[in-house]
Amino acid sequence: LVEQFVTLSSQFFGNFFSFFSGSVITLLQLLLLVVLTIMFLSDPQAYR
């Protein structure tokens, strides 16, 4: 059980940073988050 847990945790957390740095979908979502935040901040009354 210990070996299986170590293997699974190493695979999951070992690829954590590579996933967030190399995933195209995640990067696009972060970019969309930034763009939407700037849009909402520029003219909040219109969206309200």
All heavy atoms as atom14 arrays in JSON, in Angstrom:
{
  "sequence": "LVEQFVTLSSQFFGNFFSFFSGSVITLLQLLLLVVLTIMFLSDPQAYR",
  "atom14_mask": [
    [1, 1, 1, 1, 1, 1, 1, 1, 0, 0, 0, 0, 0, 0],
    [1, 1, 1, 1, 1, 1, 1, 0, 0, 0, 0, 0, 0, 0],
    [1, 1, 1, 1, 1, 1, 1, 1, 1, 0, 0, 0, 0, 0],
    [1, 1, 1, 1, 1, 1, 1, 1, 1, 0, 0, 0, 0, 0],
    [1, 1, 1, 1, 1, 1, 1, 1, 1, 1, 1, 0, 0, 0],
    [1, 1, 1, 1, 1, 1, 1, 0, 0, 0, 0, 0, 0, 0],
    [1, 1, 1, 1, 1, 1, 1, 0, 0, 0, 0, 0, 0, 0],
    [1, 1, 1, 1, 1, 1, 1, 1, 0, 0, 0, 0, 0, 0],
    [1, 1, 1, 1, 1, 1, 0, 0, 0, 0, 0, 0, 0, 0],
    [1, 1, 1, 1, 1, 1, 0, 0, 0, 0, 0, 0, 0, 0],
    [1, 1, 1, 1, 1, 1, 1, 1, 1, 0, 0, 0, 0, 0],
    [1, 1, 1, 1, 1, 1, 1, 1, 1, 1, 1, 0, 0, 0],
    [1, 1, 1, 1, 1, 1, 1, 1, 1, 1, 1, 0, 0, 0],
    [1, 1, 1, 1, 0, 0, 0, 0, 0, 0, 0, 0, 0, 0],
    [1, 1, 1, 1, 1, 1, 1, 1, 0, 0, 0, 0, 0, 0],
    [1, 1, 1, 1, 1, 1, 1, 1, 1, 1, 1, 0, 0, 0],
    [1, 1, 1, 1, 1, 1, 1, 1, 1, 1, 1, 0, 0, 0],
    [1, 1, 1, 1, 1, 1, 0, 0, 0, 0, 0, 0, 0, 0],
    [1, 1, 1, 1, 1, 1, 1, 1, 1, 1, 1, 0, 0, 0],
    [1, 1, 1, 1, 1, 1, 1, 1, 1, 1, 1, 0, 0, 0],
    [1, 1, 1, 1, 1, 1, 0, 0, 0, 0, 0, 0, 0, 0],
    [1, 1, 1, 1, 0, 0, 0, 0, 0, 0, 0, 0, 0, 0],
    [1, 1, 1, 1, 1, 1, 0, 0, 0, 0, 0, 0, 0, 0],
    [1, 1, 1, 1, 1, 1, 1, 0, 0, 0, 0, 0, 0, 0],
    [1, 1, 1, 1, 1, 1, 1, 1, 0, 0, 0, 0, 0, 0],
    [1, 1, 1, 1, 1, 1, 1, 0, 0, 0, 0, 0, 0, 0],
    [1, 1, 1, 1, 1, 1, 1, 1, 0, 0, 0, 0, 0, 0],
    [1, 1, 1, 1, 1, 1, 1, 1, 0, 0, 0, 0, 0, 0],
    [1, 1, 1, 1, 1, 1, 1, 1, 1, 0, 0, 0, 0, 0],
    [1, 1, 1, 1, 1, 1, 1, 1, 0, 0, 0, 0, 0, 0],
    [1, 1, 1, 1, 1, 1, 1, 1, 0, 0, 0, 0, 0, 0],
    [1, 1, 1, 1, 1, 1, 1, 1, 0, 0, 0, 0, 0, 0],
    [1, 1, 1, 1, 1, 1, 1, 1, 0, 0, 0, 0, 0, 0],
    [1, 1, 1, 1, 1, 1, 1, 0, 0, 0, 0, 0, 0, 0],
    [1, 1, 1, 1, 1, 1, 1, 0, 0, 0, 0, 0, 0, 0],
    [1, 1, 1, 1, 1, 1, 1, 1, 0, 0, 0, 0, 0, 0],
    [1, 1, 1, 1, 1, 1, 1, 0, 0, 0, 0, 0, 0, 0],
    [1, 1, 1, 1, 1, 1, 1, 1, 0, 0, 0, 0, 0, 0],
    [1, 1, 1, 1, 1, 1, 1, 1, 0, 0, 0, 0, 0, 0],
    [1, 1, 1, 1, 1, 1, 1, 1, 1, 1, 1, 0, 0, 0],
    [1, 1, 1, 1, 1, 1, 1, 1, 0, 0, 0, 0, 0, 0],
    [1, 1, 1, 1, 1, 1, 0, 0, 0, 0, 0, 0, 0, 0],
    [1, 1, 1, 1, 1, 1, 1, 1, 0, 0, 0, 0, 0, 0],
    [1, 1, 1, 1, 1, 1, 1, 0, 0, 0, 0, 0, 0, 0],
    [1, 1, 1, 1, 1, 1, 1, 1, 1, 0, 0, 0, 0, 0],
    [1, 1, 1, 1, 1, 0, 0, 0, 0, 0, 0, 0, 0, 0],
    [1, 1, 1, 1, 1, 1, 1, 1, 1, 1, 1, 1, 0, 0],
    [1, 1, 1, 1, 1, 1, 1, 1, 1, 1, 1, 0, 0, 0]
  ],
  "atom14_positions": [
    [[0.83, -1.21, 0.0], [0.0, 0.0, 0.0], [0.86, 1.25, 0.0], [0.55, 2.24, -0.68], [-0.92, -0.01, 1.24], [-2.04, -1.06, 1.24], [-2.8, -1.0, 2.56], [-2.98, -0.84, 0.06], [0.0, 0.0, 0.0], [0.0, 0.0, 0.0], [0.0, 0.0, 0.0], [0.0, 0.0, 0.0], [0.0, 0.0, 0.0], [0.0, 0.0, 0.0]],
    [[1.95, 1.23, 0.77], [2.84, 2.39, 0.81], [3.46, 2.63, -0.55], [3.54, 3.77, -1.04], [3.92, 2.18, 1.9], [5.0, 3.24, 1.78], [3.29, 2.21, 3.28], [0.0, 0.0, 0.0], [0.0, 0.0, 0.0], [0.0, 0.0, 0.0], [0.0, 0.0, 0.0], [0.0, 0.0, 0.0], [0.0, 0.0, 0.0], [0.0, 0.0, 0.0]],
    [[3.91, 1.56, -1.2], [4.53, 1.72, -2.51], [3.54, 2.26, -3.54], [3.88, 3.12, -4.35], [5.08, 0.36, -2.97], [6.27, -0.13, -2.16], [6.73, -1.49, -2.63], [6.12, -2.02, -3.59], [7.69, -2.02, -2.06], [0.0, 0.0, 0.0], [0.0, 0.0, 0.0], [0.0, 0.0, 0.0], [0.0, 0.0, 0.0], [0.0, 0.0, 0.0]],
    [[2.3, 1.76, -3.49], [1.29, 2.27, -4.43], [0.99, 3.74, -4.18], [0.85, 4.52, -5.12], [0.01, 1.44, -4.31], [0.15, 0.01, -4.82], [-1.15, -0.76, -4.68], [-2.15, -0.22, -4.24], [-1.12, -2.03, -5.06], [0.0, 0.0, 0.0], [0.0, 0.0, 0.0], [0.0, 0.0, 0.0], [0.0, 0.0, 0.0], [0.0, 0.0, 0.0]],
    [[0.88, 4.12, -2.9], [0.6, 5.51, -2.59], [1.75, 6.4, -3.04], [1.54, 7.5, -3.58], [0.35, 5.68, -1.09], [0.0, 7.07, -0.69], [-1.3, 7.53, -0.8], [0.97, 7.94, -0.21], [-1.64, 8.82, -0.43], [0.65, 9.22, 0.15], [-0.66, 9.68, 0.04], [0.0, 0.0, 0.0], [0.0, 0.0, 0.0], [0.0, 0.0, 0.0]],
    [[2.98, 5.97, -2.8], [4.14, 6.76, -3.21], [4.17, 6.92, -4.72], [4.43, 8.0, -5.26], [5.43, 6.1, -2.7], [6.65, 6.77, -3.32], [5.5, 6.19, -1.18], [0.0, 0.0, 0.0], [0.0, 0.0, 0.0], [0.0, 0.0, 0.0], [0.0, 0.0, 0.0], [0.0, 0.0, 0.0], [0.0, 0.0, 0.0], [0.0, 0.0, 0.0]],
    [[3.87, 5.82, -5.44], [3.87, 5.89, -6.9], [2.81, 6.86, -7.43], [3.08, 7.7, -8.29], [3.64, 4.5, -7.5], [4.65, 3.6, -7.01], [3.7, 4.55, -9.02], [0.0, 0.0, 0.0], [0.0, 0.0, 0.0], [0.0, 0.0, 0.0], [0.0, 0.0, 0.0], [0.0, 0.0, 0.0], [0.0, 0.0, 0.0], [0.0, 0.0, 0.0]],
    [[1.6, 6.75, -6.88], [0.52, 7.63, -7.33], [0.79, 9.08, -6.99], [0.58, 9.98, -7.81], [-0.81, 7.18, -6.72], [-1.36, 5.84, -7.21], [-2.62, 5.48, -6.43], [-1.64, 5.88, -8.71], [0.0, 0.0, 0.0], [0.0, 0.0, 0.0], [0.0, 0.0, 0.0], [0.0, 0.0, 0.0], [0.0, 0.0, 0.0], [0.0, 0.0, 0.0]],
    [[1.27, 9.33, -5.76], [1.54, 10.71, -5.36], [2.68, 11.31, -6.16], [2.65, 12.49, -6.53], [1.86, 10.78, -3.87], [3.01, 10.0, -3.58], [0.0, 0.0, 0.0], [0.0, 0.0, 0.0], [0.0, 0.0, 0.0], [0.0, 0.0, 0.0], [0.0, 0.0, 0.0], [0.0, 0.0, 0.0], [0.0, 0.0, 0.0], [0.0, 0.0, 0.0]],
    [[3.69, 10.5, -6.47], [4.81, 11.01, -7.27], [4.36, 11.35, -8.68], [4.76, 12.37, -9.25], [5.94, 9.97, -7.31], [6.41, 9.7, -6.01], [0.0, 0.0, 0.0], [0.0, 0.0, 0.0], [0.0, 0.0, 0.0], [0.0, 0.0, 0.0], [0.0, 0.0, 0.0], [0.0, 0.0, 0.0], [0.0, 0.0, 0.0], [0.0, 0.0, 0.0]],
    [[3.5, 10.49, -9.25], [3.01, 10.78, -10.59], [2.13, 12.03, -10.62], [2.23, 12.85, -11.51], [2.21, 9.58, -11.11], [3.05, 8.35, -11.4], [2.2, 7.17, -11.84], [0.97, 7.23, -11.82], [2.85, 6.07, -12.21], [0.0, 0.0, 0.0], [0.0, 0.0, 0.0], [0.0, 0.0, 0.0], [0.0, 0.0, 0.0], [0.0, 0.0, 0.0]],
    [[1.28, 12.18, -9.59], [0.35, 13.32, -9.58], [1.09, 14.63, -9.31], [1.03, 15.57, -10.09], [-0.73, 13.1, -8.53], [-1.69, 14.24, -8.42], [-2.69, 14.42, -9.36], [-1.58, 15.15, -7.38], [-3.58, 15.48, -9.27], [-2.46, 16.21, -7.28], [-3.46, 16.37, -8.22], [0.0, 0.0, 0.0], [0.0, 0.0, 0.0], [0.0, 0.0, 0.0]],
    [[1.81, 14.68, -8.17], [2.46, 15.93, -7.8], [3.71, 16.19, -8.64], [4.11, 17.34, -8.81], [2.83, 15.91, -6.32], [1.64, 15.94, -5.41], [1.23, 14.79, -4.74], [0.91, 17.1, -5.24], [0.14, 14.82, -3.91], [-0.19, 17.14, -4.4], [-0.58, 15.99, -3.74], [0.0, 0.0, 0.0], [0.0, 0.0, 0.0], [0.0, 0.0, 0.0]],
    [[4.33, 15.13, -9.17], [5.49, 15.35, -10.02], [5.13, 16.02, -11.32], [5.92, 16.78, -11.89], [0.0, 0.0, 0.0], [0.0, 0.0, 0.0], [0.0, 0.0, 0.0], [0.0, 0.0, 0.0], [0.0, 0.0, 0.0], [0.0, 0.0, 0.0], [0.0, 0.0, 0.0], [0.0, 0.0, 0.0], [0.0, 0.0, 0.0], [0.0, 0.0, 0.0]],
    [[3.92, 15.78, -11.82], [3.47, 16.42, -13.06], [2.64, 17.67, -12.82], [2.07, 18.23, -13.75], [2.62, 15.43, -13.87], [3.43, 14.22, -14.3], [4.63, 14.32, -14.53], [2.78, 13.06, -14.36], [0.0, 0.0, 0.0], [0.0, 0.0, 0.0], [0.0, 0.0, 0.0], [0.0, 0.0, 0.0], [0.0, 0.0, 0.0], [0.0, 0.0, 0.0]],
    [[2.59, 18.12, -11.56], [1.73, 19.26, -11.23], [2.2, 20.52, -11.96], [1.44, 21.17, -12.66], [1.75, 19.48, -9.71], [0.88, 20.59, -9.25], [-0.48, 20.4, -9.1], [1.43, 21.83, -8.96], [-1.29, 21.43, -8.66], [0.63, 22.86, -8.53], [-0.72, 22.66, -8.37], [0.0, 0.0, 0.0], [0.0, 0.0, 0.0], [0.0, 0.0, 0.0]],
    [[3.46, 20.84, -11.8], [3.97, 22.07, -12.4], [4.1, 21.94, -13.91], [3.87, 22.9, -14.64], [5.33, 22.44, -11.78], [5.23, 22.81, -10.33], [5.64, 21.93, -9.35], [4.71, 24.03, -9.94], [5.56, 22.26, -8.02], [4.61, 24.37, -8.6], [5.05, 23.48, -7.64], [0.0, 0.0, 0.0], [0.0, 0.0, 0.0], [0.0, 0.0, 0.0]],
    [[4.46, 20.77, -14.4], [4.54, 20.6, -15.85], [3.18, 20.72, -16.5], [3.04, 21.24, -17.61], [5.16, 19.23, -16.17], [4.34, 18.18, -15.66], [0.0, 0.0, 0.0], [0.0, 0.0, 0.0], [0.0, 0.0, 0.0], [0.0, 0.0, 0.0], [0.0, 0.0, 0.0], [0.0, 0.0, 0.0], [0.0, 0.0, 0.0], [0.0, 0.0, 0.0]],
    [[2.11, 20.29, -15.78], [0.76, 20.41, -16.32], [0.37, 21.88, -16.45], [-0.11, 22.33, -17.48], [-0.24, 19.68, -15.43], [-1.68, 19.93, -15.79], [-2.25, 19.3, -16.87], [-2.44, 20.81, -15.05], [-3.57, 19.53, -17.22], [-3.77, 21.05, -15.37], [-4.33, 20.41, -16.46], [0.0, 0.0, 0.0], [0.0, 0.0, 0.0], [0.0, 0.0, 0.0]],
    [[0.59, 22.65, -15.38], [0.18, 24.04, -15.4], [1.07, 24.9, -16.29], [0.67, 25.99, -16.68], [0.16, 24.61, -13.98], [-1.07, 24.23, -13.21], [-1.06, 23.15, -12.36], [-2.25, 24.94, -13.36], [-2.2, 22.79, -11.66], [-3.4, 24.59, -12.67], [-3.36, 23.51, -11.81], [0.0, 0.0, 0.0], [0.0, 0.0, 0.0], [0.0, 0.0, 0.0]],
    [[2.27, 24.42, -16.6], [3.13, 25.21, -17.47], [3.04, 24.78, -18.92], [3.36, 25.55, -19.81], [4.59, 25.09, -17.0], [5.01, 23.73, -17.06], [0.0, 0.0, 0.0], [0.0, 0.0, 0.0], [0.0, 0.0, 0.0], [0.0, 0.0, 0.0], [0.0, 0.0, 0.0], [0.0, 0.0, 0.0], [0.0, 0.0, 0.0], [0.0, 0.0, 0.0]],
    [[2.59, 23.57, -19.18], [2.58, 23.08, -20.55], [1.21, 22.83, -21.13], [1.1, 22.56, -22.32], [0.0, 0.0, 0.0], [0.0, 0.0, 0.0], [0.0, 0.0, 0.0], [0.0, 0.0, 0.0], [0.0, 0.0, 0.0], [0.0, 0.0, 0.0], [0.0, 0.0, 0.0], [0.0, 0.0, 0.0], [0.0, 0.0, 0.0], [0.0, 0.0, 0.0]],
    [[0.18, 22.89, -20.34], [-1.15, 22.64, -20.86], [-1.66, 23.85, -21.62], [-1.76, 24.94, -21.07], [-2.1, 22.28, -19.72], [-3.41, 22.14, -20.21], [0.0, 0.0, 0.0], [0.0, 0.0, 0.0], [0.0, 0.0, 0.0], [0.0, 0.0, 0.0], [0.0, 0.0, 0.0], [0.0, 0.0, 0.0], [0.0, 0.0, 0.0], [0.0, 0.0, 0.0]],
    [[-1.99, 23.65, -22.88], [-2.48, 24.75, -23.71], [-3.84, 25.21, -23.22], [-4.12, 26.43, -23.16], [-2.56, 24.31, -25.19], [-3.14, 25.42, -26.05], [-1.19, 23.9, -25.69], [0.0, 0.0, 0.0], [0.0, 0.0, 0.0], [0.0, 0.0, 0.0], [0.0, 0.0, 0.0], [0.0, 0.0, 0.0], [0.0, 0.0, 0.0], [0.0, 0.0, 0.0]],
    [[-4.69, 24.27, -22.81], [-6.03, 24.64, -22.35], [-5.95, 25.48, -21.09], [-6.65, 26.5, -20.95], [-6.87, 23.37, -22.11], [-7.05, 22.6, -23.42], [-8.21, 23.72, -21.5], [-7.82, 21.33, -23.27], [0.0, 0.0, 0.0], [0.0, 0.0, 0.0], [0.0, 0.0, 0.0], [0.0, 0.0, 0.0], [0.0, 0.0, 0.0], [0.0, 0.0, 0.0]],
    [[-5.08, 25.09, -20.17], [-4.95, 25.85, -18.93], [-4.42, 27.24, -19.2], [-4.89, 28.23, -18.61], [-4.03, 25.1, -17.96], [-4.55, 23.79, -17.73], [-3.94, 25.84, -16.64], [0.0, 0.0, 0.0], [0.0, 0.0, 0.0], [0.0, 0.0, 0.0], [0.0, 0.0, 0.0], [0.0, 0.0, 0.0], [0.0, 0.0, 0.0], [0.0, 0.0, 0.0]],
    [[-3.43, 27.36, -20.08], [-2.89, 28.67, -20.41], [-3.95, 29.55, -21.07], [-4.04, 30.76, -20.78], [-1.68, 28.52, -21.34], [-0.42, 27.92, -20.71], [0.68, 27.78, -21.75], [0.06, 28.79, -19.55], [0.0, 0.0, 0.0], [0.0, 0.0, 0.0], [0.0, 0.0, 0.0], [0.0, 0.0, 0.0], [0.0, 0.0, 0.0], [0.0, 0.0, 0.0]],
    [[-4.77, 28.97, -21.93], [-5.84, 29.74, -22.56], [-6.88, 30.18, -21.52], [-7.4, 31.3, -21.6], [-6.51, 28.91, -23.66], [-5.67, 28.65, -24.92], [-6.43, 27.75, -25.89], [-5.28, 29.96, -25.6], [0.0, 0.0, 0.0], [0.0, 0.0, 0.0], [0.0, 0.0, 0.0], [0.0, 0.0, 0.0], [0.0, 0.0, 0.0], [0.0, 0.0, 0.0]],
    [[-7.17, 29.31, -20.56], [-8.12, 29.69, -19.51], [-7.56, 30.82, -18.65], [-8.3, 31.76, -18.29], [-8.44, 28.47, -18.65], [-9.3, 27.43, -19.36], [-9.56, 26.22, -18.48], [-8.89, 26.01, -17.48], [-10.52, 25.41, -18.89], [0.0, 0.0, 0.0], [0.0, 0.0, 0.0], [0.0, 0.0, 0.0], [0.0, 0.0, 0.0], [0.0, 0.0, 0.0]],
    [[-6.28, 30.75, -18.3], [-5.67, 31.84, -17.53], [-5.66, 33.14, -18.32], [-5.92, 34.22, -17.76], [-4.25, 31.45, -17.12], [-4.12, 30.31, -16.11], [-2.65, 29.98, -15.87], [-4.79, 30.68, -14.8], [0.0, 0.0, 0.0], [0.0, 0.0, 0.0], [0.0, 0.0, 0.0], [0.0, 0.0, 0.0], [0.0, 0.0, 0.0], [0.0, 0.0, 0.0]],
    [[-5.37, 33.04, -19.62], [-5.38, 34.23, -20.46], [-6.78, 34.83, -20.53], [-6.96, 36.05, -20.43], [-4.87, 33.89, -21.85], [-4.83, 35.04, -22.87], [-3.9, 36.15, -22.38], [-4.37, 34.54, -24.24], [0.0, 0.0, 0.0], [0.0, 0.0, 0.0], [0.0, 0.0, 0.0], [0.0, 0.0, 0.0], [0.0, 0.0, 0.0], [0.0, 0.0, 0.0]],
    [[-7.79, 33.96, -20.69], [-9.16, 34.44, -20.72], [-9.56, 35.06, -19.39], [-10.28, 36.08, -19.36], [-10.1, 33.28, -21.06], [-11.6, 33.6, -21.14], [-11.87, 34.66, -22.2], [-12.42, 32.35, -21.42], [0.0, 0.0, 0.0], [0.0, 0.0, 0.0], [0.0, 0.0, 0.0], [0.0, 0.0, 0.0], [0.0, 0.0, 0.0], [0.0, 0.0, 0.0]],
    [[-9.09, 34.49, -18.29], [-9.38, 35.04, -16.97], [-8.81, 36.45, -16.84], [-9.48, 37.37, -16.34], [-8.8, 34.13, -15.9], [-8.96, 34.58, -14.44], [-10.43, 34.64, -14.06], [-8.2, 33.64, -13.51], [0.0, 0.0, 0.0], [0.0, 0.0, 0.0], [0.0, 0.0, 0.0], [0.0, 0.0, 0.0], [0.0, 0.0, 0.0], [0.0, 0.0, 0.0]],
    [[-7.58, 36.64, -17.31], [-6.95, 37.98, -17.25], [-7.7, 38.97, -18.12], [-7.97, 40.11, -17.71], [-5.47, 37.87, -17.65], [-4.85, 39.26, -17.75], [-4.69, 37.03, -16.65], [0.0, 0.0, 0.0], [0.0, 0.0, 0.0], [0.0, 0.0, 0.0], [0.0, 0.0, 0.0], [0.0, 0.0, 0.0], [0.0, 0.0, 0.0], [0.0, 0.0, 0.0]],
    [[-8.04, 38.55, -19.34], [-8.73, 39.45, -20.27], [-10.1, 39.85, -19.71], [-10.48, 41.04, -19.75], [-8.87, 38.79, -21.65], [-9.76, 39.62, -22.57], [-7.49, 38.62, -22.29], [0.0, 0.0, 0.0], [0.0, 0.0, 0.0], [0.0, 0.0, 0.0], [0.0, 0.0, 0.0], [0.0, 0.0, 0.0], [0.0, 0.0, 0.0], [0.0, 0.0, 0.0]],
    [[-10.85, 38.89, -19.2], [-12.17, 39.2, -18.63], [-12.05, 40.13, -17.43], [-12.87, 41.05, -17.26], [-12.88, 37.91, -18.23], [-13.41, 37.03, -19.36], [-13.98, 35.73, -18.81], [-14.46, 37.75, -20.17], [0.0, 0.0, 0.0], [0.0, 0.0, 0.0], [0.0, 0.0, 0.0], [0.0, 0.0, 0.0], [0.0, 0.0, 0.0], [0.0, 0.0, 0.0]],
    [[-11.05, 39.9, -16.59], [-10.86, 40.77, -15.42], [-10.59, 42.2, -15.85], [-11.15, 43.15, -15.28], [-9.7, 40.24, -14.56], [-9.97, 38.89, -14.16], [-9.52, 41.1, -13.33], [0.0, 0.0, 0.0], [0.0, 0.0, 0.0], [0.0, 0.0, 0.0], [0.0, 0.0, 0.0], [0.0, 0.0, 0.0], [0.0, 0.0, 0.0], [0.0, 0.0, 0.0]],
    [[-9.73, 42.39, -16.86], [-9.43, 43.74, -17.34], [-10.68, 44.38, -17.95], [-10.95, 45.58, -17.74], [-8.28, 43.68, -18.37], [-6.99, 43.19, -17.69], [-8.06, 45.05, -19.0], [-5.84, 42.99, -18.64], [0.0, 0.0, 0.0], [0.0, 0.0, 0.0], [0.0, 0.0, 0.0], [0.0, 0.0, 0.0], [0.0, 0.0, 0.0], [0.0, 0.0, 0.0]],
    [[-11.45, 43.61, -18.69], [-12.68, 44.15, -19.29], [-13.68, 44.59, -18.22], [-14.26, 45.67, -18.3], [-13.3, 43.1, -20.21], [-12.56, 42.87, -21.5], [-13.39, 41.63, -22.54], [-12.34, 41.68, -23.99], [0.0, 0.0, 0.0], [0.0, 0.0, 0.0], [0.0, 0.0, 0.0], [0.0, 0.0, 0.0], [0.0, 0.0, 0.0], [0.0, 0.0, 0.0]],
    [[-13.89, 43.73, -17.23], [-14.82, 44.09, -16.15], [-14.33, 45.31, -15.38], [-15.13, 46.16, -14.97], [-15.0, 42.92, -15.19], [-15.72, 41.75, -15.78], [-15.47, 40.46, -15.35], [-16.67, 41.93, -16.78], [-16.14, 39.37, -15.89], [-17.34, 40.85, -17.34], [-17.08, 39.57, -16.9], [0.0, 0.0, 0.0], [0.0, 0.0, 0.0], [0.0, 0.0, 0.0]],
    [[-13.02, 45.4, -15.19], [-12.46, 46.51, -14.42], [-12.51, 47.82, -15.19], [-12.66, 48.89, -14.59], [-11.01, 46.19, -14.03], [-10.28, 47.2, -13.14], [-10.99, 47.33, -11.8], [-8.83, 46.78, -12.94], [0.0, 0.0, 0.0], [0.0, 0.0, 0.0], [0.0, 0.0, 0.0], [0.0, 0.0, 0.0], [0.0, 0.0, 0.0], [0.0, 0.0, 0.0]],
    [[-12.4, 47.76, -16.51], [-12.36, 48.99, -17.32], [-13.69, 49.73, -17.31], [-13.72, 50.96, -17.25], [-11.96, 48.65, -18.76], [-12.92, 47.77, -19.34], [0.0, 0.0, 0.0], [0.0, 0.0, 0.0], [0.0, 0.0, 0.0], [0.0, 0.0, 0.0], [0.0, 0.0, 0.0], [0.0, 0.0, 0.0], [0.0, 0.0, 0.0], [0.0, 0.0, 0.0]],
    [[-14.81, 49.02, -17.36], [-16.13, 49.66, -17.38], [-17.12, 48.81, -16.6], [-18.01, 48.16, -17.17], [-16.6, 49.85, -18.83], [-17.8, 50.77, -18.93], [-18.21, 51.34, -17.9], [-18.34, 50.93, -20.04], [0.0, 0.0, 0.0], [0.0, 0.0, 0.0], [0.0, 0.0, 0.0], [0.0, 0.0, 0.0], [0.0, 0.0, 0.0], [0.0, 0.0, 0.0]],
    [[-17.02, 48.79, -15.27], [-17.88, 47.9, -14.48], [-19.35, 48.29, -14.51], [-20.22, 47.43, -14.43], [-17.29, 48.02, -13.07], [-16.59, 49.32, -13.05], [-16.08, 49.55, -14.43], [0.0, 0.0, 0.0], [0.0, 0.0, 0.0], [0.0, 0.0, 0.0], [0.0, 0.0, 0.0], [0.0, 0.0, 0.0], [0.0, 0.0, 0.0], [0.0, 0.0, 0.0]],
    [[-19.64, 49.58, -14.63], [-21.03, 50.01, -14.6], [-21.83, 49.46, -15.79], [-23.0, 49.1, -15.65], [-21.11, 51.54, -14.58], [-22.51, 52.09, -14.42], [-23.16, 51.65, -13.13], [-22.56, 51.78, -12.06], [-24.38, 51.13, -13.19], [0.0, 0.0, 0.0], [0.0, 0.0, 0.0], [0.0, 0.0, 0.0], [0.0, 0.0, 0.0], [0.0, 0.0, 0.0]],
    [[-21.19, 49.39, -16.94], [-21.88, 48.88, -18.13], [-22.26, 47.41, -17.95], [-23.39, 47.01, -18.28], [-21.0, 49.04, -19.36], [0.0, 0.0, 0.0], [0.0, 0.0, 0.0], [0.0, 0.0, 0.0], [0.0, 0.0, 0.0], [0.0, 0.0, 0.0], [0.0, 0.0, 0.0], [0.0, 0.0, 0.0], [0.0, 0.0, 0.0], [0.0, 0.0, 0.0]],
    [[-21.35, 46.61, -17.4], [-21.66, 45.19, -17.18], [-22.68, 45.03, -16.06], [-23.5, 44.11, -16.1], [-20.37, 44.43, -16.86], [-19.39, 44.42, -18.01], [-18.31, 45.28, -18.03], [-19.56, 43.55, -19.08], [-17.41, 45.28, -19.09], [-18.67, 43.54, -20.14], [-17.59, 44.41, -20.14], [-16.72, 44.42, -21.19], [0.0, 0.0, 0.0], [0.0, 0.0, 0.0]],
    [[-22.62, 45.9, -15.08], [-23.61, 45.84, -14.0], [-25.01, 46.14, -14.53], [-25.97, 45.44, -14.19], [-23.22, 46.82, -12.9], [-24.11, 46.76, -11.68], [-23.71, 47.86, -10.7], [-24.51, 47.79, -9.49], [-24.2, 47.07, -8.41], [-23.1, 46.35, -8.42], [-24.97, 47.07, -7.35], [0.0, 0.0, 0.0], [0.0, 0.0, 0.0], [0.0, 0.0, 0.0]]
  ]
}
